[in-house]
Amino acid sequence: MRIPRELVEVLLVPLRVMLCGTAWIQAGAWRVREVRPGRGAAAVSLAYSLDAMVGLLLFFQLVLRPGIHFYGS
């Protein structure tokens, strides 16, 4: 673990993360099309997201966890 030393490391990284997160949240909100007062947004299926998460977890556990041998020995 690395301890931040300079003010740029302490302020710039969280600011960038916050701005990227805000843009990501707004991009998700743009997907909602039909919202009327008194009614919620239509439910979106989570199947694709869950499939992607399981696939990524399997990749990390089966490929990256044992390690990748870069040399022929």
PDB file of N, CA and C in Angstrom:
ATOM      1  N   MET A   1       0.844  -1.171   0.000  1.00  0.00           N
ATOM      2  CA  MET A   1       0.000   0.000   0.000  1.00  0.00           C
ATOM      3  C   MET A   1       0.891   1.236   0.000  1.00  0.00           C
ATOM      4  N   ARG A   2       0.470   2.217  -0.747  1.00  0.00           N
ATOM      5  CA  ARG A   2       1.281   3.418  -0.904  1.00  0.00           C
ATOM      6  C   ARG A   2       0.575   4.588  -0.259  1.00  0.00           C
ATOM      7  N   ILE A   3       1.305   5.395   0.501  1.00  0.00           N
ATOM      8  CA  ILE A   3       0.738   6.568   1.162  1.00  0.00           C
ATOM      9  C   ILE A   3       0.960   7.786   0.265  1.00  0.00           C
ATOM     10  N   PRO A   4      -0.095   8.539  -0.048  1.00  0.00           N
ATOM     11  CA  PRO A   4       0.069   9.736  -0.882  1.00  0.00           C
ATOM     12  C   PRO A   4       0.999  10.744  -0.206  1.00  0.00           C
ATOM     13  N   ARG A   5       1.855  11.359  -1.026  1.00  0.00           N
ATOM     14  CA  ARG A   5       2.819  12.297  -0.475  1.00  0.00           C
ATOM     15  C   ARG A   5       2.455  13.744  -0.750  1.00  0.00           C
ATOM     16  N   GLU A   6       2.037  14.032  -1.949  1.00  0.00           N
ATOM     17  CA  GLU A   6       1.844  15.424  -2.336  1.00  0.00           C
ATOM     18  C   GLU A   6       0.367  15.775  -2.412  1.00  0.00           C
ATOM     19  N   LEU A   7       0.070  17.059  -2.381  1.00  0.00           N
ATOM     20  CA  LEU A   7      -1.307  17.530  -2.422  1.00  0.00           C
ATOM     21  C   LEU A   7      -2.002  17.119  -3.718  1.00  0.00           C
ATOM     22  N   VAL A   8      -1.268  17.061  -4.805  1.00  0.00           N
ATOM     23  CA  VAL A   8      -1.853  16.649  -6.084  1.00  0.00           C
ATOM     24  C   VAL A   8      -2.369  15.218  -5.989  1.00  0.00           C
ATOM     25  N   GLU A   9      -1.628  14.348  -5.325  1.00  0.00           N
ATOM     26  CA  GLU A   9      -2.050  12.962  -5.178  1.00  0.00           C
ATOM     27  C   GLU A   9      -3.263  12.841  -4.257  1.00  0.00           C
ATOM     28  N   VAL A  10      -3.378  13.735  -3.310  1.00  0.00           N
ATOM     29  CA  VAL A  10      -4.480  13.679  -2.350  1.00  0.00           C
ATOM     30  C   VAL A  10      -5.749  14.282  -2.930  1.00  0.00           C
ATOM     31  N   LEU A  11      -5.651  15.310  -3.738  1.00  0.00           N
ATOM     32  CA  LEU A  11      -6.835  15.995  -4.263  1.00  0.00           C
ATOM     33  C   LEU A  11      -7.195  15.608  -5.685  1.00  0.00           C
ATOM     34  N   LEU A  12      -6.213  15.422  -6.546  1.00  0.00           N
ATOM     35  CA  LEU A  12      -6.494  15.204  -7.961  1.00  0.00           C
ATOM     36  C   LEU A  12      -7.159  13.848  -8.222  1.00  0.00           C
ATOM     37  N   VAL A  13      -6.658  12.805  -7.602  1.00  0.00           N
ATOM     38  CA  VAL A  13      -7.227  11.470  -7.837  1.00  0.00           C
ATOM     39  C   VAL A  13      -8.677  11.392  -7.366  1.00  0.00           C
ATOM     40  N   PRO A  14      -9.016  11.793  -6.130  1.00  0.00           N
ATOM     41  CA  PRO A  14     -10.435  11.753  -5.741  1.00  0.00           C
ATOM     42  C   PRO A  14     -11.324  12.648  -6.606  1.00  0.00           C
ATOM     43  N   LEU A  15     -10.801  13.779  -7.052  1.00  0.00           N
ATOM     44  CA  LEU A  15     -11.584  14.651  -7.919  1.00  0.00           C
ATOM     45  C   LEU A  15     -11.882  13.971  -9.249  1.00  0.00           C
ATOM     46  N   ARG A  16     -10.888  13.325  -9.828  1.00  0.00           N
ATOM     47  CA  ARG A  16     -11.110  12.596 -11.088  1.00  0.00           C
ATOM     48  C   ARG A  16     -12.109  11.461 -10.901  1.00  0.00           C
ATOM     49  N   VAL A  17     -11.976  10.727  -9.814  1.00  0.00           N
ATOM     50  CA  VAL A  17     -12.907   9.628  -9.546  1.00  0.00           C
ATOM     51  C   VAL A  17     -14.323  10.166  -9.397  1.00  0.00           C
ATOM     52  N   MET A  18     -14.487  11.279  -8.697  1.00  0.00           N
ATOM     53  CA  MET A  18     -15.799  11.873  -8.509  1.00  0.00           C
ATOM     54  C   MET A  18     -16.398  12.322  -9.847  1.00  0.00           C
ATOM     55  N   LEU A  19     -15.593  12.953 -10.684  1.00  0.00           N
ATOM     56  CA  LEU A  19     -16.102  13.415 -11.977  1.00  0.00           C
ATOM     57  C   LEU A  19     -16.478  12.246 -12.886  1.00  0.00           C
ATOM     58  N   CYS A  20     -15.638  11.223 -12.916  1.00  0.00           N
ATOM     59  CA  CYS A  20     -15.968  10.038 -13.721  1.00  0.00           C
ATOM     60  C   CYS A  20     -17.220   9.352 -13.186  1.00  0.00           C
ATOM     61  N   GLY A  21     -17.351   9.269 -11.857  1.00  0.00           N
ATOM     62  CA  GLY A  21     -18.535   8.661 -11.258  1.00  0.00           C
ATOM     63  C   GLY A  21     -19.796   9.443 -11.556  1.00  0.00           C
ATOM     64  N   THR A  22     -19.701  10.751 -11.513  1.00  0.00           N
ATOM     65  CA  THR A  22     -20.861  11.594 -11.826  1.00  0.00           C
ATOM     66  C   THR A  22     -21.282  11.405 -13.279  1.00  0.00           C
ATOM     67  N   ALA A  23     -20.322  11.368 -14.180  1.00  0.00           N
ATOM     68  CA  ALA A  23     -20.635  11.133 -15.596  1.00  0.00           C
ATOM     69  C   ALA A  23     -21.260   9.754 -15.783  1.00  0.00           C
ATOM     70  N   TRP A  24     -20.762   8.755 -15.077  1.00  0.00           N
ATOM     71  CA  TRP A  24     -21.295   7.396 -15.192  1.00  0.00           C
ATOM     72  C   TRP A  24     -22.740   7.335 -14.694  1.00  0.00           C
ATOM     73  N   ILE A  25     -23.028   7.997 -13.590  1.00  0.00           N
ATOM     74  CA  ILE A  25     -24.392   8.020 -13.058  1.00  0.00           C
ATOM     75  C   ILE A  25     -25.329   8.731 -14.031  1.00  0.00           C
ATOM     76  N   GLN A  26     -24.880   9.833 -14.607  1.00  0.00           N
ATOM     77  CA  GLN A  26     -25.716  10.554 -15.571  1.00  0.00           C
ATOM     78  C   GLN A  26     -25.948   9.720 -16.825  1.00  0.00           C
ATOM     79  N   ALA A  27     -24.923   9.009 -17.275  1.00  0.00           N
ATOM     80  CA  ALA A  27     -25.088   8.152 -18.451  1.00  0.00           C
ATOM     81  C   ALA A  27     -26.121   7.064 -18.175  1.00  0.00           C
ATOM     82  N   GLY A  28     -26.135   6.532 -16.959  1.00  0.00           N
ATOM     83  CA  GLY A  28     -27.154   5.544 -16.604  1.00  0.00           C
ATOM     84  C   GLY A  28     -28.545   6.147 -16.567  1.00  0.00           C
ATOM     85  N   ALA A  29     -28.640   7.384 -16.138  1.00  0.00           N
ATOM     86  CA  ALA A  29     -29.947   8.055 -16.085  1.00  0.00           C
ATOM     87  C   ALA A  29     -30.474   8.359 -17.478  1.00  0.00           C
ATOM     88  N   TRP A  30     -29.593   8.558 -18.446  1.00  0.00           N
ATOM     89  CA  TRP A  30     -30.045   8.843 -19.810  1.00  0.00           C
ATOM     90  C   TRP A  30     -30.722   7.642 -20.450  1.00  0.00           C
ATOM     91  N   ARG A  31     -30.491   6.438 -19.926  1.00  0.00           N
ATOM     92  CA  ARG A  31     -31.114   5.242 -20.488  1.00  0.00           C
ATOM     93  C   ARG A  31     -32.606   5.182 -20.181  1.00  0.00           C
ATOM     94  N   VAL A  32     -33.028   5.822 -19.106  1.00  0.00           N
ATOM     95  CA  VAL A  32     -34.431   5.783 -18.711  1.00  0.00           C
ATOM     96  C   VAL A  32     -35.211   6.672 -19.668  1.00  0.00           C
ATOM     97  N   ARG A  33     -36.229   6.103 -20.292  1.00  0.00           N
ATOM     98  CA  ARG A  33     -36.938   6.865 -21.330  1.00  0.00           C
ATOM     99  C   ARG A  33     -38.294   7.384 -20.870  1.00  0.00           C
ATOM    100  N   GLU A  34     -39.086   6.513 -20.320  1.00  0.00           N
ATOM    101  CA  GLU A  34     -40.458   6.916 -20.008  1.00  0.00           C
ATOM    102  C   GLU A  34     -40.659   7.000 -18.504  1.00  0.00           C
ATOM    103  N   VAL A  35     -40.510   8.183 -17.986  1.00  0.00           N
ATOM    104  CA  VAL A  35     -40.771   8.412 -16.567  1.00  0.00           C
ATOM    105  C   VAL A  35     -41.860   9.468 -16.478  1.00  0.00           C
ATOM    106  N   ARG A  36     -42.920   9.092 -15.779  1.00  0.00           N
ATOM    107  CA  ARG A  36     -44.023  10.028 -15.584  1.00  0.00           C
ATOM    108  C   ARG A  36     -44.193  10.233 -14.096  1.00  0.00           C
ATOM    109  N   PRO A  37     -44.675  11.379 -13.713  1.00  0.00           N
ATOM    110  CA  PRO A  37     -44.892  11.619 -12.279  1.00  0.00           C
ATOM    111  C   PRO A  37     -45.814  10.565 -11.681  1.00  0.00           C
ATOM    112  N   GLY A  38     -45.420  10.043 -10.533  1.00  0.00           N
ATOM    113  CA  GLY A  38     -46.243   9.049  -9.870  1.00  0.00           C
ATOM    114  C   GLY A  38     -45.962   7.627 -10.313  1.00  0.00           C
ATOM    115  N   ARG A  39     -45.149   7.443 -11.328  1.00  0.00           N
ATOM    116  CA  ARG A  39     -44.814   6.101 -11.805  1.00  0.00           C
ATOM    117  C   ARG A  39     -43.305   5.952 -11.827  1.00  0.00           C
ATOM    118  N   GLY A  40     -42.840   4.770 -11.544  1.00  0.00           N
ATOM    119  CA  GLY A  40     -41.403   4.494 -11.571  1.00  0.00           C
ATOM    120  C   GLY A  40     -40.940   4.165 -12.984  1.00  0.00           C
ATOM    121  N   ALA A  41     -39.660   4.090 -13.146  1.00  0.00           N
ATOM    122  CA  ALA A  41     -39.083   3.717 -14.434  1.00  0.00           C
ATOM    123  C   ALA A  41     -39.298   2.229 -14.674  1.00  0.00           C
ATOM    124  N   ALA A  42     -39.303   1.855 -15.930  1.00  0.00           N
ATOM    125  CA  ALA A  42     -39.451   0.450 -16.291  1.00  0.00           C
ATOM    126  C   ALA A  42     -38.238  -0.336 -15.806  1.00  0.00           C
ATOM    127  N   ALA A  43     -38.471  -1.544 -15.316  1.00  0.00           N
ATOM    128  CA  ALA A  43     -37.383  -2.377 -14.801  1.00  0.00           C
ATOM    129  C   ALA A  43     -36.530  -2.893 -15.964  1.00  0.00           C
ATOM    130  N   VAL A  44     -35.229  -2.868 -15.770  1.00  0.00           N
ATOM    131  CA  VAL A  44     -34.292  -3.354 -16.774  1.00  0.00           C
ATOM    132  C   VAL A  44     -33.738  -4.682 -16.294  1.00  0.00           C
ATOM    133  N   SER A  45     -33.593  -5.638 -17.202  1.00  0.00           N
ATOM    134  CA  SER A  45     -33.081  -6.948 -16.838  1.00  0.00           C
ATOM    135  C   SER A  45     -31.618  -6.866 -16.401  1.00  0.00           C
ATOM    136  N   LEU A  46     -31.301  -7.581 -15.345  1.00  0.00           N
ATOM    137  CA  LEU A  46     -29.935  -7.616 -14.840  1.00  0.00           C
ATOM    138  C   LEU A  46     -29.166  -8.830 -15.360  1.00  0.00           C
ATOM    139  N   ALA A  47     -29.758  -9.601 -16.252  1.00  0.00           N
ATOM    140  CA  ALA A  47     -29.121 -10.833 -16.717  1.00  0.00           C
ATOM    141  C   ALA A  47     -27.773 -10.560 -17.376  1.00  0.00           C
ATOM    142  N   TYR A  48     -27.681  -9.564 -18.229  1.00  0.00           N
ATOM    143  CA  TYR A  48     -26.417  -9.268 -18.908  1.00  0.00           C
ATOM    144  C   TYR A  48     -25.341  -8.850 -17.910  1.00  0.00           C
ATOM    145  N   SER A  49     -25.702  -8.008 -16.963  1.00  0.00           N
ATOM    146  CA  SER A  49     -24.733  -7.563 -15.960  1.00  0.00           C
ATOM    147  C   SER A  49     -24.258  -8.716 -15.090  1.00  0.00           C
ATOM    148  N   LEU A  50     -25.184  -9.580 -14.687  1.00  0.00           N
ATOM    149  CA  LEU A  50     -24.802 -10.725 -13.861  1.00  0.00           C
ATOM    150  C   LEU A  50     -23.928 -11.700 -14.639  1.00  0.00           C
ATOM    151  N   ASP A  51     -24.239 -11.922 -15.923  1.00  0.00           N
ATOM    152  CA  ASP A  51     -23.403 -12.787 -16.763  1.00  0.00           C
ATOM    153  C   ASP A  51     -21.997 -12.225 -16.901  1.00  0.00           C
ATOM    154  N   ALA A  52     -21.895 -10.923 -17.105  1.00  0.00           N
ATOM    155  CA  ALA A  52     -20.577 -10.290 -17.232  1.00  0.00           C
ATOM    156  C   ALA A  52     -19.800 -10.396 -15.921  1.00  0.00           C
ATOM    157  N   MET A  53     -20.475 -10.218 -14.795  1.00  0.00           N
ATOM    158  CA  MET A  53     -19.802 -10.305 -13.502  1.00  0.00           C
ATOM    159  C   MET A  53     -19.304 -11.727 -13.234  1.00  0.00           C
ATOM    160  N   VAL A  54     -20.129 -12.721 -13.515  1.00  0.00           N
ATOM    161  CA  VAL A  54     -19.720 -14.114 -13.312  1.00  0.00           C
ATOM    162  C   VAL A  54     -18.576 -14.473 -14.246  1.00  0.00           C
ATOM    163  N   GLY A  55     -18.647 -14.023 -15.500  1.00  0.00           N
ATOM    164  CA  GLY A  55     -17.560 -14.283 -16.450  1.00  0.00           C
ATOM    165  C   GLY A  55     -16.251 -13.664 -16.000  1.00  0.00           C
ATOM    166  N   LEU A  56     -16.297 -12.447 -15.508  1.00  0.00           N
ATOM    167  CA  LEU A  56     -15.092 -11.780 -15.029  1.00  0.00           C
ATOM    168  C   LEU A  56     -14.530 -12.490 -13.802  1.00  0.00           C
ATOM    169  N   LEU A  57     -15.397 -12.904 -12.894  1.00  0.00           N
ATOM    170  CA  LEU A  57     -14.951 -13.636 -11.716  1.00  0.00           C
ATOM    171  C   LEU A  57     -14.303 -14.958 -12.105  1.00  0.00           C
ATOM    172  N   LEU A  58     -14.907 -15.684 -13.041  1.00  0.00           N
ATOM    173  CA  LEU A  58     -14.316 -16.936 -13.508  1.00  0.00           C
ATOM    174  C   LEU A  58     -12.963 -16.706 -14.164  1.00  0.00           C
ATOM    175  N   PHE A  59     -12.843 -15.660 -14.972  1.00  0.00           N
ATOM    176  CA  PHE A  59     -11.567 -15.342 -15.609  1.00  0.00           C
ATOM    177  C   PHE A  59     -10.488 -15.087 -14.565  1.00  0.00           C
ATOM    178  N   PHE A  60     -10.798 -14.301 -13.558  1.00  0.00           N
ATOM    179  CA  PHE A  60      -9.815 -14.006 -12.521  1.00  0.00           C
ATOM    180  C   PHE A  60      -9.441 -15.264 -11.743  1.00  0.00           C
ATOM    181  N   GLN A  61     -10.428 -16.092 -11.414  1.00  0.00           N
ATOM    182  CA  GLN A  61     -10.152 -17.272 -10.603  1.00  0.00           C
ATOM    183  C   GLN A  61      -9.443 -18.371 -11.384  1.00  0.00           C
ATOM    184  N   LEU A  62      -9.817 -18.574 -12.645  1.00  0.00           N
ATOM    185  CA  LEU A  62      -9.260 -19.684 -13.412  1.00  0.00           C
ATOM    186  C   LEU A  62      -7.978 -19.328 -14.153  1.00  0.00           C
ATOM    187  N   VAL A  63      -7.826 -18.090 -14.580  1.00  0.00           N
ATOM    188  CA  VAL A  63      -6.667 -17.711 -15.391  1.00  0.00           C
ATOM    189  C   VAL A  63      -5.647 -16.915 -14.580  1.00  0.00           C
ATOM    190  N   LEU A  64      -6.079 -15.871 -13.915  1.00  0.00           N
ATOM    191  CA  LEU A  64      -5.129 -14.977 -13.268  1.00  0.00           C
ATOM    192  C   LEU A  64      -4.677 -15.455 -11.895  1.00  0.00           C
ATOM    193  N   ARG A  65      -5.529 -16.152 -11.171  1.00  0.00           N
ATOM    194  CA  ARG A  65      -5.152 -16.592  -9.830  1.00  0.00           C
ATOM    195  C   ARG A  65      -3.967 -17.558  -9.835  1.00  0.00           C
ATOM    196  N   PRO A  66      -3.940 -18.577 -10.727  1.00  0.00           N
ATOM    197  CA  PRO A  66      -2.778 -19.468 -10.748  1.00  0.00           C
ATOM    198  C   PRO A  66      -1.516 -18.765 -11.257  1.00  0.00           C
ATOM    199  N   GLY A  67      -1.675 -17.721 -12.014  1.00  0.00           N
ATOM    200  CA  GLY A  67      -0.534 -16.997 -12.553  1.00  0.00           C
ATOM    201  C   GLY A  67      -0.338 -17.335 -14.022  1.00  0.00           C
ATOM    202  N   ILE A  68       0.316 -16.447 -14.711  1.00  0.00           N
ATOM    203  CA  ILE A  68       0.601 -16.628 -16.133  1.00  0.00           C
ATOM    204  C   ILE A  68       2.103 -16.778 -16.282  1.00  0.00           C
ATOM    205  N   HIS A  69       2.538 -17.892 -16.886  1.00  0.00           N
ATOM    206  CA  HIS A  69       3.961 -18.136 -17.093  1.00  0.00           C
ATOM    207  C   HIS A  69       4.402 -17.470 -18.392  1.00  0.00           C
ATOM    208  N   PHE A  70       5.343 -16.540 -18.294  1.00  0.00           N
ATOM    209  CA  PHE A  70       5.780 -15.793 -19.456  1.00  0.00           C
ATOM    210  C   PHE A  70       7.016 -16.426 -20.100  1.00  0.00           C
ATOM    211  N   TYR A  71       7.669 -17.320 -19.394  1.00  0.00           N
ATOM    212  CA  TYR A  71       8.898 -17.923 -19.914  1.00  0.00           C
ATOM    213  C   TYR A  71       8.680 -19.410 -20.086  1.00  0.00           C
ATOM    214  N   GLY A  72       9.449 -20.020 -20.957  1.00  0.00           N
ATOM    215  CA  GLY A  72       9.288 -21.402 -21.344  1.00  0.00           C
ATOM    216  C   GLY A  72       9.622 -22.440 -20.284  1.00  0.00           C
ATOM    217  N   SER A  73      10.158 -22.071 -19.153  1.00  0.00           N
ATOM    218  CA  SER A  73      10.554 -23.084 -18.165  1.00  0.00           C
ATOM    219  C   SER A  73       9.420 -23.554 -17.310  1.00  0.00           C
TER     220      SER A  73
END
